[in-house]
C-alpha cells in the first residue's frame, strides 16, 4: 500500500504537469512542469522526501531501460547522423561543458552557504 501511495503522489504531479501544459501556452513539456511542481512541493515542505523515496528510487533505477529504444534508433539512423556529425559533436561538447560549469558553480555556492550556516548556527 505504501508504494501505491508514493506512486500516487508522483502521478499526481505528473497529472498537474499535463494540466499546466494544456492551460499555459508555453513550449515547456509536461514532465518539466511536473518536476518543477514536485521540486517546489519538496522545497516548501508540502510533501516530505520520505513520502516518495522508495517509489522514486525504483523509477530512477528503471531509467537506463528507457534509453535503450532511443539508442537503437540512433544506431538505425547512423548514416543520416554522420552528415551532421561536426555540428552534433560541437553541440554535445559545448552543452557538456556548460552543464559541468553550472553544476560546479551551484555546488560551490551550496557548499559556501552550508559552511556559513554552520558558523552562524
PDB file of N, CA and C in Angstrom:
ATOM      1  N   UNK A   1       0.823  -1.199   0.000  1.00  0.00           N
ATOM      2  CA  UNK A   1       0.000   0.000   0.000  1.00  0.00           C
ATOM      3  C   UNK A   1       0.867   1.263   0.000  1.00  0.00           C
ATOM      4  N   UNK A   2       2.009   1.176   0.705  1.00  0.00           N
ATOM      5  CA  UNK A   2       2.903   2.322   0.790  1.00  0.00           C
ATOM      6  C   UNK A   2       3.390   2.730  -0.603  1.00  0.00           C
ATOM      7  N   UNK A   3       3.719   1.732  -1.435  1.00  0.00           N
ATOM      8  CA  UNK A   3       4.224   2.026  -2.773  1.00  0.00           C
ATOM      9  C   UNK A   3       3.151   2.635  -3.653  1.00  0.00           C
ATOM     10  N   UNK A   4       1.920   2.199  -3.469  1.00  0.00           N
ATOM     11  CA  UNK A   4       0.814   2.784  -4.226  1.00  0.00           C
ATOM     12  C   UNK A   4       0.617   4.240  -3.840  1.00  0.00           C
ATOM     13  N   UNK A   5       0.724   4.528  -2.552  1.00  0.00           N
ATOM     14  CA  UNK A   5       0.601   5.902  -2.064  1.00  0.00           C
ATOM     15  C   UNK A   5       1.702   6.780  -2.656  1.00  0.00           C
ATOM     16  N   UNK A   6       2.946   6.263  -2.642  1.00  0.00           N
ATOM     17  CA  UNK A   6       4.065   7.027  -3.176  1.00  0.00           C
ATOM     18  C   UNK A   6       3.916   7.241  -4.676  1.00  0.00           C
ATOM     19  N   UNK A   7       3.521   6.195  -5.395  1.00  0.00           N
ATOM     20  CA  UNK A   7       3.305   6.326  -6.839  1.00  0.00           C
ATOM     21  C   UNK A   7       2.170   7.307  -7.112  1.00  0.00           C
ATOM     22  N   UNK A   8       1.155   7.299  -6.284  1.00  0.00           N
ATOM     23  CA  UNK A   8       0.040   8.232  -6.440  1.00  0.00           C
ATOM     24  C   UNK A   8       0.487   9.679  -6.333  1.00  0.00           C
ATOM     25  N   UNK A   9       1.375   9.951  -5.384  1.00  0.00           N
ATOM     26  CA  UNK A   9       1.894  11.316  -5.228  1.00  0.00           C
ATOM     27  C   UNK A   9       2.674  11.721  -6.483  1.00  0.00           C
ATOM     28  N   UNK A  10       3.535  10.840  -6.956  1.00  0.00           N
ATOM     29  CA  UNK A  10       4.327  11.148  -8.149  1.00  0.00           C
ATOM     30  C   UNK A  10       3.425  11.325  -9.361  1.00  0.00           C
ATOM     31  N   UNK A  11       2.425  10.448  -9.511  1.00  0.00           N
ATOM     32  CA  UNK A  11       1.499  10.555 -10.641  1.00  0.00           C
ATOM     33  C   UNK A  11       0.640  11.813 -10.543  1.00  0.00           C
ATOM     34  N   UNK A  12       0.342  12.258  -9.330  1.00  0.00           N
ATOM     35  CA  UNK A  12      -0.408  13.498  -9.152  1.00  0.00           C
ATOM     36  C   UNK A  12       0.371  14.676  -9.753  1.00  0.00           C
ATOM     37  N   UNK A  13       1.667  14.718  -9.474  1.00  0.00           N
ATOM     38  CA  UNK A  13       2.481  15.810 -10.024  1.00  0.00           C
ATOM     39  C   UNK A  13       2.647  15.668 -11.532  1.00  0.00           C
ATOM     40  N   UNK A  14       2.674  14.440 -12.017  1.00  0.00           N
ATOM     41  CA  UNK A  14       2.706  14.215 -13.463  1.00  0.00           C
ATOM     42  C   UNK A  14       1.419  14.747 -14.095  1.00  0.00           C
ATOM     43  N   UNK A  15       0.286  14.450 -13.460  1.00  0.00           N
ATOM     44  CA  UNK A  15      -1.002  14.937 -13.964  1.00  0.00           C
ATOM     45  C   UNK A  15      -1.065  16.469 -13.916  1.00  0.00           C
ATOM     46  N   UNK A  16      -0.588  17.058 -12.829  1.00  0.00           N
ATOM     47  CA  UNK A  16      -0.582  18.513 -12.725  1.00  0.00           C
ATOM     48  C   UNK A  16       0.288  19.136 -13.815  1.00  0.00           C
ATOM     49  N   UNK A  17       1.400  18.485 -14.147  1.00  0.00           N
ATOM     50  CA  UNK A  17       2.241  18.956 -15.241  1.00  0.00           C
ATOM     51  C   UNK A  17       1.497  18.911 -16.565  1.00  0.00           C
ATOM     52  N   UNK A  18       0.747  17.837 -16.799  1.00  0.00           N
ATOM     53  CA  UNK A  18      -0.059  17.730 -18.024  1.00  0.00           C
ATOM     54  C   UNK A  18      -1.115  18.834 -18.066  1.00  0.00           C
ATOM     55  N   UNK A  19      -1.729  19.102 -16.919  1.00  0.00           N
ATOM     56  CA  UNK A  19      -2.760  20.144 -16.854  1.00  0.00           C
ATOM     57  C   UNK A  19      -2.158  21.519 -17.155  1.00  0.00           C
ATOM     58  N   UNK A  20      -0.995  21.800 -16.593  1.00  0.00           N
ATOM     59  CA  UNK A  20      -0.353  23.090 -16.856  1.00  0.00           C
ATOM     60  C   UNK A  20       0.029  23.237 -18.324  1.00  0.00           C
ATOM     61  N   UNK A  21       0.465  22.147 -18.943  1.00  0.00           N
ATOM     62  CA  UNK A  21       0.800  22.199 -20.365  1.00  0.00           C
ATOM     63  C   UNK A  21      -0.424  22.565 -21.194  1.00  0.00           C
ATOM     64  N   UNK A  22      -1.572  22.040 -20.793  1.00  0.00           N
ATOM     65  CA  UNK A  22      -2.806  22.336 -21.516  1.00  0.00           C
ATOM     66  C   UNK A  22      -3.277  23.767 -21.251  1.00  0.00           C
ATOM     67  N   UNK A  23      -3.021  24.284 -20.054  1.00  0.00           N
ATOM     68  CA  UNK A  23      -3.521  25.605 -19.678  1.00  0.00           C
ATOM     69  C   UNK A  23      -2.599  26.757 -20.072  1.00  0.00           C
ATOM     70  N   UNK A  24      -1.299  26.523 -20.010  1.00  0.00           N
ATOM     71  CA  UNK A  24      -0.331  27.595 -20.250  1.00  0.00           C
ATOM     72  C   UNK A  24       0.313  27.385 -21.617  1.00  0.00           C
ATOM     73  N   UNK A  25       0.182  28.355 -22.510  1.00  0.00           N
ATOM     74  CA  UNK A  25       0.703  28.181 -23.876  1.00  0.00           C
ATOM     75  C   UNK A  25       2.205  28.462 -23.992  1.00  0.00           C
ATOM     76  N   UNK A  26       3.005  27.745 -23.215  1.00  0.00           N
ATOM     77  CA  UNK A  26       4.463  27.864 -23.294  1.00  0.00           C
ATOM     78  C   UNK A  26       5.036  26.547 -23.813  1.00  0.00           C
ATOM     79  N   UNK A  27       6.147  26.599 -24.514  1.00  0.00           N
ATOM     80  CA  UNK A  27       6.726  25.362 -25.042  1.00  0.00           C
ATOM     81  C   UNK A  27       7.537  24.594 -23.991  1.00  0.00           C
ATOM     82  N   UNK A  28       6.900  24.317 -22.862  1.00  0.00           N
ATOM     83  CA  UNK A  28       7.553  23.570 -21.785  1.00  0.00           C
ATOM     84  C   UNK A  28       6.854  22.219 -21.682  1.00  0.00           C
ATOM     85  N   UNK A  29       7.610  21.122 -21.761  1.00  0.00           N
ATOM     86  CA  UNK A  29       6.993  19.792 -21.681  1.00  0.00           C
ATOM     87  C   UNK A  29       6.309  19.565 -20.337  1.00  0.00           C
ATOM     88  N   UNK A  30       5.282  18.738 -20.366  1.00  0.00           N
ATOM     89  CA  UNK A  30       4.525  18.437 -19.150  1.00  0.00           C
ATOM     90  C   UNK A  30       5.406  17.819 -18.075  1.00  0.00           C
ATOM     91  N   UNK A  31       6.365  16.993 -18.473  1.00  0.00           N
ATOM     92  CA  UNK A  31       7.253  16.362 -17.497  1.00  0.00           C
ATOM     93  C   UNK A  31       8.062  17.407 -16.734  1.00  0.00           C
ATOM     94  N   UNK A  32       8.474  18.460 -17.418  1.00  0.00           N
ATOM     95  CA  UNK A  32       9.240  19.523 -16.760  1.00  0.00           C
ATOM     96  C   UNK A  32       8.356  20.275 -15.779  1.00  0.00           C
ATOM     97  N   UNK A  33       7.129  20.583 -16.200  1.00  0.00           N
ATOM     98  CA  UNK A  33       6.183  21.235 -15.275  1.00  0.00           C
ATOM     99  C   UNK A  33       5.999  20.373 -14.031  1.00  0.00           C
ATOM    100  N   UNK A  34       5.768  19.084 -14.242  1.00  0.00           N
ATOM    101  CA  UNK A  34       5.556  18.186 -13.112  1.00  0.00           C
ATOM    102  C   UNK A  34       6.752  18.144 -12.182  1.00  0.00           C
ATOM    103  N   UNK A  35       7.968  18.076 -12.759  1.00  0.00           N
ATOM    104  CA  UNK A  35       9.174  18.071 -11.932  1.00  0.00           C
ATOM    105  C   UNK A  35       9.344  19.376 -11.159  1.00  0.00           C
ATOM    106  N   UNK A  36       9.032  20.496 -11.814  1.00  0.00           N
ATOM    107  CA  UNK A  36       9.139  21.784 -11.119  1.00  0.00           C
ATOM    108  C   UNK A  36       8.138  21.863  -9.964  1.00  0.00           C
ATOM    109  N   UNK A  37       6.931  21.376 -10.198  1.00  0.00           N
ATOM    110  CA  UNK A  37       5.928  21.390  -9.131  1.00  0.00           C
ATOM    111  C   UNK A  37       6.326  20.473  -7.979  1.00  0.00           C
ATOM    112  N   UNK A  38       6.850  19.285  -8.310  1.00  0.00           N
ATOM    113  CA  UNK A  38       7.300  18.363  -7.270  1.00  0.00           C
ATOM    114  C   UNK A  38       8.462  18.967  -6.490  1.00  0.00           C
ATOM    115  N   UNK A  39       9.386  19.593  -7.195  1.00  0.00           N
ATOM    116  CA  UNK A  39      10.518  20.250  -6.536  1.00  0.00           C
ATOM    117  C   UNK A  39      10.032  21.352  -5.594  1.00  0.00           C
ATOM    118  N   UNK A  40       9.092  22.168  -6.070  1.00  0.00           N
ATOM    119  CA  UNK A  40       8.553  23.242  -5.230  1.00  0.00           C
ATOM    120  C   UNK A  40       7.854  22.669  -4.006  1.00  0.00           C
ATOM    121  N   UNK A  41       7.090  21.595  -4.198  1.00  0.00           N
ATOM    122  CA  UNK A  41       6.392  20.974  -3.066  1.00  0.00           C
ATOM    123  C   UNK A  41       7.392  20.432  -2.050  1.00  0.00           C
ATOM    124  N   UNK A  42       8.500  19.876  -2.523  1.00  0.00           N
ATOM    125  CA  UNK A  42       9.529  19.392  -1.608  1.00  0.00           C
ATOM    126  C   UNK A  42      10.236  20.554  -0.899  1.00  0.00           C
ATOM    127  N   UNK A  43      10.521  21.617  -1.640  1.00  0.00           N
ATOM    128  CA  UNK A  43      11.196  22.783  -1.041  1.00  0.00           C
ATOM    129  C   UNK A  43      10.339  23.447   0.026  1.00  0.00           C
ATOM    130  N   UNK A  44       9.033  23.563  -0.258  1.00  0.00           N
ATOM    131  CA  UNK A  44       8.132  24.221   0.689  1.00  0.00           C
ATOM    132  C   UNK A  44       7.555  23.251   1.713  1.00  0.00           C
ATOM    133  N   UNK A  45       8.093  22.029   1.706  1.00  0.00           N
ATOM    134  CA  UNK A  45       7.735  21.001   2.685  1.00  0.00           C
ATOM    135  C   UNK A  45       6.241  20.660   2.665  1.00  0.00           C
ATOM    136  N   UNK A  46       5.620  20.767   1.475  1.00  0.00           N
ATOM    137  CA  UNK A  46       4.248  20.308   1.318  1.00  0.00           C
ATOM    138  C   UNK A  46       4.218  18.786   1.317  1.00  0.00           C
ATOM    139  N   UNK A  47       5.279  18.192   0.795  1.00  0.00           N
ATOM    140  CA  UNK A  47       5.486  16.753   0.927  1.00  0.00           C
ATOM    141  C   UNK A  47       6.924  16.545   1.385  1.00  0.00           C
ATOM    142  N   UNK A  48       7.152  15.406   2.034  1.00  0.00           N
ATOM    143  CA  UNK A  48       8.494  15.092   2.520  1.00  0.00           C
ATOM    144  C   UNK A  48       9.123  14.045   1.602  1.00  0.00           C
ATOM    145  N   UNK A  49      10.421  14.043   1.537  1.00  0.00           N
ATOM    146  CA  UNK A  49      11.141  13.085   0.696  1.00  0.00           C
ATOM    147  C   UNK A  49      10.763  11.656   1.087  1.00  0.00           C
ATOM    148  N   UNK A  50      10.566  11.418   2.374  1.00  0.00           N
ATOM    149  CA  UNK A  50      10.226  10.079   2.850  1.00  0.00           C
ATOM    150  C   UNK A  50       8.908   9.582   2.253  1.00  0.00           C
ATOM    151  N   UNK A  51       8.048  10.514   1.844  1.00  0.00           N
ATOM    152  CA  UNK A  51       6.756  10.136   1.285  1.00  0.00           C
ATOM    153  C   UNK A  51       6.870   9.579  -0.135  1.00  0.00           C
ATOM    154  N   UNK A  52       8.005   9.781  -0.801  1.00  0.00           N
ATOM    155  CA  UNK A  52       8.151   9.306  -2.181  1.00  0.00           C
ATOM    156  C   UNK A  52       9.465   8.566  -2.410  1.00  0.00           C
ATOM    157  N   UNK A  53      10.280   8.389  -1.387  1.00  0.00           N
ATOM    158  CA  UNK A  53      11.645   7.877  -1.548  1.00  0.00           C
ATOM    159  C   UNK A  53      11.715   6.537  -2.280  1.00  0.00           C
ATOM    160  N   UNK A  54      11.009   5.514  -1.820  1.00  0.00           N
ATOM    161  CA  UNK A  54      11.141   4.177  -2.405  1.00  0.00           C
ATOM    162  C   UNK A  54      10.658   4.134  -3.847  1.00  0.00           C
ATOM    163  N   UNK A  55       9.527   4.757  -4.121  1.00  0.00           N
ATOM    164  CA  UNK A  55       8.987   4.760  -5.483  1.00  0.00           C
ATOM    165  C   UNK A  55       9.894   5.557  -6.417  1.00  0.00           C
ATOM    166  N   UNK A  56      10.417   6.669  -5.955  1.00  0.00           N
ATOM    167  CA  UNK A  56      11.323   7.471  -6.770  1.00  0.00           C
ATOM    168  C   UNK A  56      12.608   6.704  -7.056  1.00  0.00           C
ATOM    169  N   UNK A  57      13.122   5.969  -6.074  1.00  0.00           N
ATOM    170  CA  UNK A  57      14.334   5.169  -6.284  1.00  0.00           C
ATOM    171  C   UNK A  57      14.064   4.065  -7.309  1.00  0.00           C
ATOM    172  N   UNK A  58      12.899   3.454  -7.237  1.00  0.00           N
ATOM    173  CA  UNK A  58      12.534   2.413  -8.214  1.00  0.00           C
ATOM    174  C   UNK A  58      12.457   2.994  -9.619  1.00  0.00           C
ATOM    175  N   UNK A  59      11.794   4.134  -9.762  1.00  0.00           N
ATOM    176  CA  UNK A  59      11.674   4.754 -11.085  1.00  0.00           C
ATOM    177  C   UNK A  59      13.029   5.191 -11.620  1.00  0.00           C
ATOM    178  N   UNK A  60      13.887   5.681 -10.740  1.00  0.00           N
ATOM    179  CA  UNK A  60      15.225   6.079 -11.152  1.00  0.00           C
ATOM    180  C   UNK A  60      16.032   4.863 -11.610  1.00  0.00           C
ATOM    181  N   UNK A  61      15.840   3.724 -10.955  1.00  0.00           N
ATOM    182  CA  UNK A  61      16.539   2.501 -11.357  1.00  0.00           C
ATOM    183  C   UNK A  61      16.083   2.031 -12.736  1.00  0.00           C
ATOM    184  N   UNK A  62      14.848   2.359 -13.127  1.00  0.00           N
ATOM    185  CA  UNK A  62      14.332   1.968 -14.438  1.00  0.00           C
ATOM    186  C   UNK A  62      14.813   2.859 -15.578  1.00  0.00           C
ATOM    187  N   UNK A  63      15.359   4.024 -15.265  1.00  0.00           N
ATOM    188  CA  UNK A  63      15.754   4.982 -16.299  1.00  0.00           C
ATOM    189  C   UNK A  63      16.666   4.413 -17.389  1.00  0.00           C
ATOM    190  N   UNK A  64      17.693   3.629 -17.052  1.00  0.00           N
ATOM    191  CA  UNK A  64      18.550   3.106 -18.130  1.00  0.00           C
ATOM    192  C   UNK A  64      17.772   2.302 -19.176  1.00  0.00           C
ATOM    193  N   UNK A  65      16.770   1.574 -18.759  1.00  0.00           N
ATOM    194  CA  UNK A  65      15.967   0.787 -19.705  1.00  0.00           C
ATOM    195  C   UNK A  65      15.213   1.694 -20.670  1.00  0.00           C
ATOM    196  N   UNK A  66      14.873   2.889 -20.227  1.00  0.00           N
ATOM    197  CA  UNK A  66      14.134   3.807 -21.086  1.00  0.00           C
ATOM    198  C   UNK A  66      15.004   4.385 -22.199  1.00  0.00           C
ATOM    199  N   UNK A  67      16.325   4.282 -22.068  1.00  0.00           N
ATOM    200  CA  UNK A  67      17.223   4.819 -23.083  1.00  0.00           C
ATOM    201  C   UNK A  67      17.613   3.792 -24.142  1.00  0.00           C
ATOM    202  N   UNK A  68      17.191   2.539 -23.991  1.00  0.00           N
ATOM    203  CA  UNK A  68      17.551   1.506 -24.955  1.00  0.00           C
ATOM    204  C   UNK A  68      16.920   1.791 -26.316  1.00  0.00           C
ATOM    205  N   UNK A  69      15.640   2.064 -26.360  1.00  0.00           N
ATOM    206  CA  UNK A  69      14.962   2.313 -27.642  1.00  0.00           C
ATOM    207  C   UNK A  69      15.535   3.521 -28.381  1.00  0.00           C
ATOM    208  N   UNK A  70      15.746   4.668 -27.721  1.00  0.00           N
ATOM    209  CA  UNK A  70      16.369   5.781 -28.444  1.00  0.00           C
ATOM    210  C   UNK A  70      17.780   5.455 -28.944  1.00  0.00           C
ATOM    211  N   UNK A  71      18.548   4.692 -28.173  1.00  0.00           N
ATOM    212  CA  UNK A  71      19.900   4.332 -28.603  1.00  0.00           C
ATOM    213  C   UNK A  71      19.858   3.451 -29.844  1.00  0.00           C
ATOM    214  N   UNK A  72      18.916   2.507 -29.877  1.00  0.00           N
ATOM    215  CA  UNK A  72      18.762   1.653 -31.055  1.00  0.00           C
ATOM    216  C   UNK A  72      18.344   2.488 -32.257  1.00  0.00           C
ATOM    217  N   UNK A  73      17.459   3.438 -32.042  1.00  0.00           N
ATOM    218  CA  UNK A  73      17.014   4.312 -33.128  1.00  0.00           C
ATOM    219  C   UNK A  73      18.170   5.154 -33.662  1.00  0.00           C
ATOM    220  N   UNK A  74      19.023   5.643 -32.778  1.00  0.00           N
ATOM    221  CA  UNK A  74      20.202   6.404 -33.217  1.00  0.00           C
ATOM    222  C   UNK A  74      21.119   5.543 -34.075  1.00  0.00           C
ATOM    223  N   UNK A  75      21.307   4.298 -33.663  1.00  0.00           N
ATOM    224  CA  UNK A  75      22.153   3.402 -34.446  1.00  0.00           C
ATOM    225  C   UNK A  75      21.523   3.118 -35.807  1.00  0.00           C
ATOM    226  N   UNK A  76      20.202   3.039 -35.844  1.00  0.00           N
ATOM    227  CA  UNK A  76      19.488   2.800 -37.093  1.00  0.00           C
ATOM    228  C   UNK A  76      19.626   3.995 -38.041  1.00  0.00           C
ATOM    229  N   UNK A  77      19.728   5.186 -37.486  1.00  0.00           N
ATOM    230  CA  UNK A  77      19.815   6.410 -38.282  1.00  0.00           C
ATOM    231  C   UNK A  77      21.252   6.931 -38.384  1.00  0.00           C
ATOM    232  N   UNK A  78      22.226   6.081 -38.176  1.00  0.00           N
ATOM    233  CA  UNK A  78      23.630   6.497 -38.142  1.00  0.00           C
ATOM    234  C   UNK A  78      24.064   7.188 -39.430  1.00  0.00           C
ATOM    235  N   UNK A  79      23.636   6.678 -40.566  1.00  0.00           N
ATOM    236  CA  UNK A  79      24.048   7.273 -41.838  1.00  0.00           C
ATOM    237  C   UNK A  79      23.585   8.728 -41.951  1.00  0.00           C
ATOM    238  N   UNK A  80      22.354   8.981 -41.556  1.00  0.00           N
ATOM    239  CA  UNK A  80      21.827  10.345 -41.609  1.00  0.00           C
ATOM    240  C   UNK A  80      22.553  11.244 -40.615  1.00  0.00           C
ATOM    241  N   UNK A  81      22.923  10.697 -39.469  1.00  0.00           N
ATOM    242  CA  UNK A  81      23.612  11.493 -38.450  1.00  0.00           C
ATOM    243  C   UNK A  81      25.047  11.824 -38.833  1.00  0.00           C
ATOM    244  N   UNK A  82      25.681  10.958 -39.611  1.00  0.00           N
ATOM    245  CA  UNK A  82      27.078  11.202 -39.979  1.00  0.00           C
ATOM    246  C   UNK A  82      27.247  12.506 -40.751  1.00  0.00           C
ATOM    247  N   UNK A  83      26.248  12.883 -41.528  1.00  0.00           N
ATOM    248  CA  UNK A  83      26.354  14.140 -42.273  1.00  0.00           C
ATOM    249  C   UNK A  83      26.330  15.355 -41.341  1.00  0.00           C
ATOM    250  N   UNK A  84      25.743  15.185 -40.163  1.00  0.00           N
ATOM    251  CA  UNK A  84      25.656  16.278 -39.183  1.00  0.00           C
ATOM    252  C   UNK A  84      26.633  16.096 -38.039  1.00  0.00           C
ATOM    253  N   UNK A  85      27.565  15.182 -38.174  1.00  0.00           N
ATOM    254  CA  UNK A  85      28.450  14.835 -37.066  1.00  0.00           C
ATOM    255  C   UNK A  85      29.216  16.016 -36.471  1.00  0.00           C
ATOM    256  N   UNK A  86      29.824  16.892 -37.271  1.00  0.00           N
ATOM    257  CA  UNK A  86      30.552  18.020 -36.652  1.00  0.00           C
ATOM    258  C   UNK A  86      29.642  18.911 -35.796  1.00  0.00           C
ATOM    259  N   UNK A  87      28.444  19.175 -36.285  1.00  0.00           N
ATOM    260  CA  UNK A  87      27.521  20.013 -35.508  1.00  0.00           C
ATOM    261  C   UNK A  87      27.090  19.303 -34.236  1.00  0.00           C
ATOM    262  N   UNK A  88      26.797  18.016 -34.325  1.00  0.00           N
ATOM    263  CA  UNK A  88      26.360  17.255 -33.151  1.00  0.00           C
ATOM    264  C   UNK A  88      27.477  17.197 -32.112  1.00  0.00           C
ATOM    265  N   UNK A  89      28.702  16.930 -32.556  1.00  0.00           N
ATOM    266  CA  UNK A  89      29.839  16.859 -31.622  1.00  0.00           C
ATOM    267  C   UNK A  89      30.063  18.212 -30.952  1.00  0.00           C
ATOM    268  N   UNK A  90      29.973  19.285 -31.728  1.00  0.00           N
ATOM    269  CA  UNK A  90      30.145  20.621 -31.159  1.00  0.00           C
ATOM    270  C   UNK A  90      29.070  20.914 -30.117  1.00  0.00           C
ATOM    271  N   UNK A  91      27.829  20.610 -30.446  1.00  0.00           N
ATOM    272  CA  UNK A  91      26.724  20.852 -29.508  1.00  0.00           C
ATOM    273  C   UNK A  91      26.910  20.035 -28.240  1.00  0.00           C
ATOM    274  N   UNK A  92      27.288  18.765 -28.384  1.00  0.00           N
ATOM    275  CA  UNK A  92      27.488  17.904 -27.214  1.00  0.00           C
ATOM    276  C   UNK A  92      28.622  18.432 -26.343  1.00  0.00           C
ATOM    277  N   UNK A  93      29.728  18.816 -26.954  1.00  0.00           N
ATOM    278  CA  UNK A  93      30.862  19.318 -26.170  1.00  0.00           C
ATOM    279  C   UNK A  93      30.527  20.623 -25.454  1.00  0.00           C
ATOM    280  N   UNK A  94      29.895  21.551 -26.158  1.00  0.00           N
ATOM    281  CA  UNK A  94      29.553  22.842 -25.546  1.00  0.00           C
ATOM    282  C   UNK A  94      28.522  22.655 -24.434  1.00  0.00           C
ATOM    283  N   UNK A  95      27.489  21.862 -24.697  1.00  0.00           N
ATOM    284  CA  UNK A  95      26.452  21.677 -23.673  1.00  0.00           C
ATOM    285  C   UNK A  95      27.000  20.923 -22.468  1.00  0.00           C
ATOM    286  N   UNK A  96      27.902  19.960 -22.686  1.00  0.00           N
ATOM    287  CA  UNK A  96      28.522  19.249 -21.567  1.00  0.00           C
ATOM    288  C   UNK A  96      29.373  20.193 -20.735  1.00  0.00           C
ATOM    289  N   UNK A  97      30.154  21.023 -21.398  1.00  0.00           N
ATOM    290  CA  UNK A  97      30.989  21.984 -20.676  1.00  0.00           C
ATOM    291  C   UNK A  97      30.139  22.956 -19.865  1.00  0.00           C
ATOM    292  N   UNK A  98      29.067  23.461 -20.478  1.00  0.00           N
ATOM    293  CA  UNK A  98      28.181  24.383 -19.756  1.00  0.00           C
ATOM    294  C   UNK A  98      27.506  23.702 -18.574  1.00  0.00           C
ATOM    295  N   UNK A  99      27.098  22.455 -18.755  1.00  0.00           N
ATOM    296  CA  UNK A  99      26.463  21.706 -17.665  1.00  0.00           C
ATOM    297  C   UNK A  99      27.437  21.496 -16.519  1.00  0.00           C
ATOM    298  N   UNK A 100      28.668  21.089 -16.839  1.00  0.00           N
ATOM    299  CA  UNK A 100      29.670  20.891 -15.792  1.00  0.00           C
ATOM    300  C   UNK A 100      29.987  22.198 -15.076  1.00  0.00           C
ATOM    301  N   UNK A 101      30.142  23.267 -15.831  1.00  0.00           N
ATOM    302  CA  UNK A 101      30.440  24.562 -15.244  1.00  0.00           C
ATOM    303  C   UNK A 101      29.309  25.014 -14.318  1.00  0.00           C
ATOM    304  N   UNK A 102      28.080  24.900 -14.793  1.00  0.00           N
ATOM    305  CA  UNK A 102      26.922  25.304 -13.988  1.00  0.00           C
ATOM    306  C   UNK A 102      26.804  24.452 -12.736  1.00  0.00           C
ATOM    307  N   UNK A 103      26.931  23.137 -12.892  1.00  0.00           N
ATOM    308  CA  UNK A 103      26.831  22.241 -11.737  1.00  0.00           C
ATOM    309  C   UNK A 103      27.933  22.540 -10.723  1.00  0.00           C
ATOM    310  N   UNK A 104      29.141  22.817 -11.218  1.00  0.00           N
ATOM    311  CA  UNK A 104      30.243  23.141 -10.311  1.00  0.00           C
ATOM    312  C   UNK A 104      30.001  24.424  -9.551  1.00  0.00           C
ATOM    313  N   UNK A 105      29.524  25.446 -10.253  1.00  0.00           N
ATOM    314  CA  UNK A 105      29.252  26.738  -9.590  1.00  0.00           C
ATOM    315  C   UNK A 105      28.144  26.605  -8.552  1.00  0.00           C
ATOM    316  N   UNK A 106      27.085  25.893  -8.909  1.00  0.00           N
ATOM    317  CA  UNK A 106      25.974  25.708  -7.966  1.00  0.00           C
ATOM    318  C   UNK A 106      26.457  24.924  -6.749  1.00  0.00           C
ATOM    319  N   UNK A 107      27.243  23.880  -6.976  1.00  0.00           N
ATOM    320  CA  UNK A 107      27.773  23.090  -5.865  1.00  0.00           C
ATOM    321  C   UNK A 107      28.658  23.940  -4.964  1.00  0.00           C
ATOM    322  N   UNK A 108      29.531  24.751  -5.550  1.00  0.00           N
ATOM    323  CA  UNK A 108      30.380  25.622  -4.749  1.00  0.00           C
ATOM    324  C   UNK A 108      29.548  26.609  -3.934  1.00  0.00           C
ATOM    325  N   UNK A 109      28.510  27.168  -4.546  1.00  0.00           N
ATOM    326  CA  UNK A 109      27.654  28.118  -3.832  1.00  0.00           C
ATOM    327  C   UNK A 109      26.937  27.433  -2.667  1.00  0.00           C
ATOM    328  N   UNK A 110      26.458  26.213  -2.896  1.00  0.00           N
ATOM    329  CA  UNK A 110      25.768  25.493  -1.819  1.00  0.00           C
ATOM    330  C   UNK A 110      26.725  25.117  -0.698  1.00  0.00           C
ATOM    331  N   UNK A 111      27.938  24.746  -1.049  1.00  0.00           N
ATOM    332  CA  UNK A 111      28.926  24.420  -0.018  1.00  0.00           C
ATOM    333  C   UNK A 111      29.269  25.660   0.802  1.00  0.00           C
ATOM    334  N   UNK A 112      29.465  26.808   0.133  1.00  0.00           N
ATOM    335  CA  UNK A 112      29.748  28.056   0.856  1.00  0.00           C
ATOM    336  C   UNK A 112      28.585  28.418   1.766  1.00  0.00           C
ATOM    337  N   UNK A 113      27.366  28.254   1.257  1.00  0.00           N
ATOM    338  CA  UNK A 113      26.182  28.570   2.063  1.00  0.00           C
ATOM    339  C   UNK A 113      26.113  27.655   3.279  1.00  0.00           C
ATOM    340  N   UNK A 114      26.436  26.376   3.083  1.00  0.00           N
ATOM    341  CA  UNK A 114      26.418  25.423   4.192  1.00  0.00           C
ATOM    342  C   UNK A 114      27.451  25.733   5.246  1.00  0.00           C
ATOM    343  N   UNK A 115      28.655  26.145   4.830  1.00  0.00           N
ATOM    344  CA  UNK A 115      29.691  26.470   5.815  1.00  0.00           C
ATOM    345  C   UNK A 115      29.359  27.762   6.555  1.00  0.00           C
ATOM    346  N   UNK A 116      28.710  28.720   5.875  1.00  0.00           N
ATOM    347  CA  UNK A 116      28.299  29.950   6.557  1.00  0.00           C
ATOM    348  C   UNK A 116      27.235  29.651   7.594  1.00  0.00           C
ATOM    349  N   UNK A 117      26.290  28.761   7.262  1.00  0.00           N
ATOM    350  CA  UNK A 117      25.231  28.412   8.205  1.00  0.00           C
ATOM    351  C   UNK A 117      25.787  27.667   9.417  1.00  0.00           C
ATOM    352  N   UNK A 118      26.811  26.842   9.178  1.00  0.00           N
ATOM    353  CA  UNK A 118      27.421  26.119  10.297  1.00  0.00           C
ATOM    354  C   UNK A 118      28.134  27.069  11.241  1.00  0.00           C
ATOM    355  N   UNK A 119      28.780  28.117  10.702  1.00  0.00           N
ATOM    356  CA  UNK A 119      29.482  29.084  11.527  1.00  0.00           C
ATOM    357  C   UNK A 119      28.502  29.913  12.358  1.00  0.00           C
ATOM    358  N   UNK A 120      27.369  30.286  11.716  1.00  0.00           N
ATOM    359  CA  UNK A 120      26.395  31.134  12.401  1.00  0.00           C
ATOM    360  C   UNK A 120      25.419  30.321  13.233  1.00  0.00           C
ATOM    361  N   UNK A 121      25.249  29.047  12.904  1.00  0.00           N
ATOM    362  CA  UNK A 121      24.239  28.213  13.560  1.00  0.00           C
ATOM    363  C   UNK A 121      24.682  27.713  14.846  1.00  0.00           C
TER     364      UNK A 121
END
